[in-house]
Amino acid sequence: IVNCSKNENCHPLHFYYHNPHIPDKEDTENKLIDLLNSFFEFVTNAGKQQGRIMVVEESDGSGVALVLGFIMKNLKLSFFEAFQIVQSKRYIIQLEARYIQQLLTWDKTNSKEDFKQRFCCLCGANEWTLLIPFDKTEH
């Protein structure tokens, strides 16, 4: 169980827990990216033991952000491709803007391609192009 909430681990004798220290809302640095490696290790070890993962979070979206980062890294997908996968499994997901910004920046640094992507909505009626959001540098 990945416990991203501030609640205590309810059944420590029955489950393995991973408790990442989620930064406060006021802390806007790239702290989420620092948590990804320990999350990857926990999930990988659980997979080797044929275990299952459950992510528990409060309403800030930190658990969703960790899952998105894991999918992005392991499946070599962009943020939006990973987001579509997660949203197809759980329709209502919410992320704070700081997590989106950190994951997009991380995606950009890990991507060797030009960060320009085209997307369309689920019904296929609308299409849009993403040009490096949250990036304030000029090219």
C-alpha atoms as a PDB file:
ATOM      1  CA  ILE A   1       0.000   0.000   0.000  1.00  0.00           C
ATOM      2  CA  VAL A   2       1.368   3.388  -0.984  1.00  0.00           C
ATOM      3  CA  ASN A   3       0.061   5.764   1.658  1.00  0.00           C
ATOM      4  CA  CYS A   4       0.236   9.335   0.330  1.00  0.00           C
ATOM      5  CA  SER A   5      -2.155  10.602   2.998  1.00  0.00           C
ATOM      6  CA  LYS A   6      -1.307  11.952   6.400  1.00  0.00           C
ATOM      7  CA  ASN A   7      -3.176   9.074   8.066  1.00  0.00           C
ATOM      8  CA  GLU A   8      -1.446   6.282   9.949  1.00  0.00           C
ATOM      9  CA  ASN A   9      -0.945   2.873   8.371  1.00  0.00           C
ATOM     10  CA  CYS A  10      -4.020   0.920   9.476  1.00  0.00           C
ATOM     11  CA  HIS A  11      -2.775  -2.669   9.124  1.00  0.00           C
ATOM     12  CA  PRO A  12       1.030  -2.707   9.328  1.00  0.00           C
ATOM     13  CA  LEU A  13       1.096  -6.392  10.303  1.00  0.00           C
ATOM     14  CA  HIS A  14      -0.853  -7.472   7.231  1.00  0.00           C
ATOM     15  CA  PHE A  15       0.501  -5.254   4.425  1.00  0.00           C
ATOM     16  CA  TYR A  16       3.755  -3.708   3.255  1.00  0.00           C
ATOM     17  CA  TYR A  17       3.570   0.075   3.263  1.00  0.00           C
ATOM     18  CA  HIS A  18       5.429   2.782   1.425  1.00  0.00           C
ATOM     19  CA  ASN A  19       4.939   6.228   2.953  1.00  0.00           C
ATOM     20  CA  PRO A  20       6.404   8.911   0.687  1.00  0.00           C
ATOM     21  CA  HIS A  21       6.721  12.303   2.360  1.00  0.00           C
ATOM     22  CA  ILE A  22       4.477  14.451   0.187  1.00  0.00           C
ATOM     23  CA  PRO A  23       5.534  18.121   0.233  1.00  0.00           C
ATOM     24  CA  ASP A  24       3.142  20.766   1.544  1.00  0.00           C
ATOM     25  CA  LYS A  25       1.187  22.969  -0.837  1.00  0.00           C
ATOM     26  CA  GLU A  26       3.456  25.901  -0.081  1.00  0.00           C
ATOM     27  CA  ASP A  27       6.505  23.893  -1.171  1.00  0.00           C
ATOM     28  CA  THR A  28       6.481  24.260  -4.957  1.00  0.00           C
ATOM     29  CA  GLU A  29       9.946  22.895  -5.738  1.00  0.00           C
ATOM     30  CA  ASN A  30      10.377  19.664  -7.710  1.00  0.00           C
ATOM     31  CA  LYS A  31       9.970  17.469  -4.651  1.00  0.00           C
ATOM     32  CA  LEU A  32       7.644  15.008  -6.389  1.00  0.00           C
ATOM     33  CA  ILE A  33      10.370  13.959  -8.814  1.00  0.00           C
ATOM     34  CA  ASP A  34      12.611  13.105  -5.848  1.00  0.00           C
ATOM     35  CA  LEU A  35       9.936  10.690  -4.569  1.00  0.00           C
ATOM     36  CA  LEU A  36       9.601   8.812  -7.854  1.00  0.00           C
ATOM     37  CA  ASN A  37      12.702   6.616  -7.459  1.00  0.00           C
ATOM     38  CA  SER A  38      11.602   5.182  -4.102  1.00  0.00           C
ATOM     39  CA  PHE A  39       8.085   4.679  -5.502  1.00  0.00           C
ATOM     40  CA  PHE A  40       9.509   2.877  -8.569  1.00  0.00           C
ATOM     41  CA  GLU A  41      11.569   0.611  -6.316  1.00  0.00           C
ATOM     42  CA  PHE A  42       8.581  -0.238  -4.098  1.00  0.00           C
ATOM     43  CA  VAL A  43       6.340  -1.048  -7.090  1.00  0.00           C
ATOM     44  CA  THR A  44       9.076  -3.066  -8.817  1.00  0.00           C
ATOM     45  CA  ASN A  45       9.701  -5.134  -5.675  1.00  0.00           C
ATOM     46  CA  ALA A  46       5.981  -5.774  -5.298  1.00  0.00           C
ATOM     47  CA  GLY A  47       5.831  -6.906  -8.917  1.00  0.00           C
ATOM     48  CA  LYS A  48       8.713  -9.320  -8.399  1.00  0.00           C
ATOM     49  CA  GLN A  49       6.771 -10.878  -5.525  1.00  0.00           C
ATOM     50  CA  GLN A  50       3.596 -10.947  -7.654  1.00  0.00           C
ATOM     51  CA  GLY A  51       1.994  -8.454  -5.288  1.00  0.00           C
ATOM     52  CA  ARG A  52      -0.601  -5.792  -5.894  1.00  0.00           C
ATOM     53  CA  ILE A  53      -0.367  -2.065  -5.332  1.00  0.00           C
ATOM     54  CA  MET A  54      -3.011   0.167  -3.819  1.00  0.00           C
ATOM     55  CA  VAL A  55      -2.432   3.910  -3.678  1.00  0.00           C
ATOM     56  CA  VAL A  56      -4.150   5.854  -0.910  1.00  0.00           C
ATOM     57  CA  GLU A  57      -4.152   9.633  -1.079  1.00  0.00           C
ATOM     58  CA  GLU A  58      -5.945  12.716   0.043  1.00  0.00           C
ATOM     59  CA  SER A  59      -7.485  15.085  -2.469  1.00  0.00           C
ATOM     60  CA  ASP A  60      -4.274  16.700  -3.734  1.00  0.00           C
ATOM     61  CA  GLY A  61      -3.517  14.146  -6.461  1.00  0.00           C
ATOM     62  CA  SER A  62      -0.066  13.190  -5.191  1.00  0.00           C
ATOM     63  CA  GLY A  63      -0.792   9.465  -5.550  1.00  0.00           C
ATOM     64  CA  VAL A  64      -2.069   9.963  -9.087  1.00  0.00           C
ATOM     65  CA  ALA A  65       1.092  11.923  -9.883  1.00  0.00           C
ATOM     66  CA  LEU A  66       3.280   9.039  -8.656  1.00  0.00           C
ATOM     67  CA  VAL A  67       1.295   6.546 -10.740  1.00  0.00           C
ATOM     68  CA  LEU A  68       1.578   8.800 -13.797  1.00  0.00           C
ATOM     69  CA  GLY A  69       5.340   9.094 -13.315  1.00  0.00           C
ATOM     70  CA  PHE A  70       5.637   5.312 -13.032  1.00  0.00           C
ATOM     71  CA  ILE A  71       3.653   4.764 -16.238  1.00  0.00           C
ATOM     72  CA  MET A  72       5.619   7.466 -18.067  1.00  0.00           C
ATOM     73  CA  LYS A  73       8.926   5.868 -17.143  1.00  0.00           C
ATOM     74  CA  ASN A  74       8.090   2.187 -17.594  1.00  0.00           C
ATOM     75  CA  LEU A  75       6.015   2.475 -20.763  1.00  0.00           C
ATOM     76  CA  LYS A  76       8.077   5.383 -22.150  1.00  0.00           C
ATOM     77  CA  LEU A  77       4.977   7.508 -22.635  1.00  0.00           C
ATOM     78  CA  SER A  78       4.386  11.232 -22.480  1.00  0.00           C
ATOM     79  CA  PHE A  79       2.492  12.838 -19.627  1.00  0.00           C
ATOM     80  CA  PHE A  80      -0.695  13.077 -21.649  1.00  0.00           C
ATOM     81  CA  GLU A  81      -0.528   9.486 -22.889  1.00  0.00           C
ATOM     82  CA  ALA A  82      -0.056   8.273 -19.306  1.00  0.00           C
ATOM     83  CA  PHE A  83      -2.869  10.566 -18.151  1.00  0.00           C
ATOM     84  CA  GLN A  84      -5.225   9.060 -20.726  1.00  0.00           C
ATOM     85  CA  ILE A  85      -4.392   5.533 -19.520  1.00  0.00           C
ATOM     86  CA  VAL A  86      -5.021   6.408 -15.881  1.00  0.00           C
ATOM     87  CA  GLN A  87      -8.192   8.309 -16.716  1.00  0.00           C
ATOM     88  CA  SER A  88      -9.496   5.349 -18.733  1.00  0.00           C
ATOM     89  CA  LYS A  89      -9.205   3.205 -15.570  1.00  0.00           C
ATOM     90  CA  ARG A  90     -10.520   5.828 -13.145  1.00  0.00           C
ATOM     91  CA  TYR A  91     -12.505   8.535 -14.873  1.00  0.00           C
ATOM     92  CA  ILE A  92     -12.399  11.124 -12.086  1.00  0.00           C
ATOM     93  CA  ILE A  93      -8.820  12.017 -11.260  1.00  0.00           C
ATOM     94  CA  GLN A  94      -7.571  15.359 -10.057  1.00  0.00           C
ATOM     95  CA  LEU A  95      -4.059  16.734  -9.947  1.00  0.00           C
ATOM     96  CA  GLU A  96      -2.839  19.976  -8.504  1.00  0.00           C
ATOM     97  CA  ALA A  97      -1.144  22.248 -11.020  1.00  0.00           C
ATOM     98  CA  ARG A  98       2.208  21.890  -9.248  1.00  0.00           C
ATOM     99  CA  TYR A  99       2.240  18.125  -9.924  1.00  0.00           C
ATOM    100  CA  ILE A 100       1.265  18.620 -13.551  1.00  0.00           C
ATOM    101  CA  GLN A 101       4.024  21.183 -13.962  1.00  0.00           C
ATOM    102  CA  GLN A 102       6.629  18.905 -12.371  1.00  0.00           C
ATOM    103  CA  LEU A 103       5.621  15.891 -14.479  1.00  0.00           C
ATOM    104  CA  LEU A 104       5.582  17.924 -17.710  1.00  0.00           C
ATOM    105  CA  THR A 105       9.020  19.332 -16.914  1.00  0.00           C
ATOM    106  CA  TRP A 106      10.297  15.845 -16.074  1.00  0.00           C
ATOM    107  CA  ASP A 107       8.760  14.524 -19.299  1.00  0.00           C
ATOM    108  CA  LYS A 108      10.466  17.274 -21.275  1.00  0.00           C
ATOM    109  CA  THR A 109      13.900  16.563 -19.756  1.00  0.00           C
ATOM    110  CA  ASN A 110      13.547  12.800 -20.366  1.00  0.00           C
ATOM    111  CA  SER A 111      12.230  13.199 -23.891  1.00  0.00           C
ATOM    112  CA  LYS A 112      14.730  13.371 -26.726  1.00  0.00           C
ATOM    113  CA  GLU A 113      12.087  14.526 -29.186  1.00  0.00           C
ATOM    114  CA  ASP A 114      10.810  18.009 -29.843  1.00  0.00           C
ATOM    115  CA  PHE A 115       8.194  18.591 -27.179  1.00  0.00           C
ATOM    116  CA  LYS A 116       5.289  19.261 -29.488  1.00  0.00           C
ATOM    117  CA  GLN A 117       2.441  16.799 -29.355  1.00  0.00           C
ATOM    118  CA  ARG A 118      -0.986  16.526 -30.931  1.00  0.00           C
ATOM    119  CA  PHE A 119      -3.939  15.194 -29.006  1.00  0.00           C
ATOM    120  CA  CYS A 120      -7.625  14.691 -29.595  1.00  0.00           C
ATOM    121  CA  CYS A 121     -10.489  14.225 -27.176  1.00  0.00           C
ATOM    122  CA  LEU A 122     -11.996  10.823 -26.483  1.00  0.00           C
ATOM    123  CA  CYS A 123     -14.813  11.324 -28.989  1.00  0.00           C
ATOM    124  CA  GLY A 124     -12.369  12.503 -31.688  1.00  0.00           C
ATOM    125  CA  ALA A 125     -14.226  15.745 -32.401  1.00  0.00           C
ATOM    126  CA  ASN A 126     -11.568  18.138 -31.063  1.00  0.00           C
ATOM    127  CA  GLU A 127      -7.833  18.237 -31.615  1.00  0.00           C
ATOM    128  CA  TRP A 128      -5.146  20.391 -30.038  1.00  0.00           C
ATOM    129  CA  THR A 129      -1.375  20.831 -30.081  1.00  0.00           C
ATOM    130  CA  LEU A 130       0.683  21.061 -26.918  1.00  0.00           C
ATOM    131  CA  LEU A 131       3.672  23.391 -27.040  1.00  0.00           C
ATOM    132  CA  ILE A 132       5.655  23.061 -23.811  1.00  0.00           C
ATOM    133  CA  PRO A 133       3.241  24.389 -21.187  1.00  0.00           C
ATOM    134  CA  PHE A 134       4.583  25.933 -17.990  1.00  0.00           C
ATOM    135  CA  ASP A 135       7.878  26.598 -19.736  1.00  0.00           C
ATOM    136  CA  LYS A 136       8.683  30.280 -19.576  1.00  0.00           C
ATOM    137  CA  THR A 137      11.913  30.118 -21.564  1.00  0.00           C
ATOM    138  CA  GLU A 138      11.917  31.465 -25.087  1.00  0.00           C
ATOM    139  CA  HIS A 139      13.139  29.365 -27.993  1.00  0.00           C
END
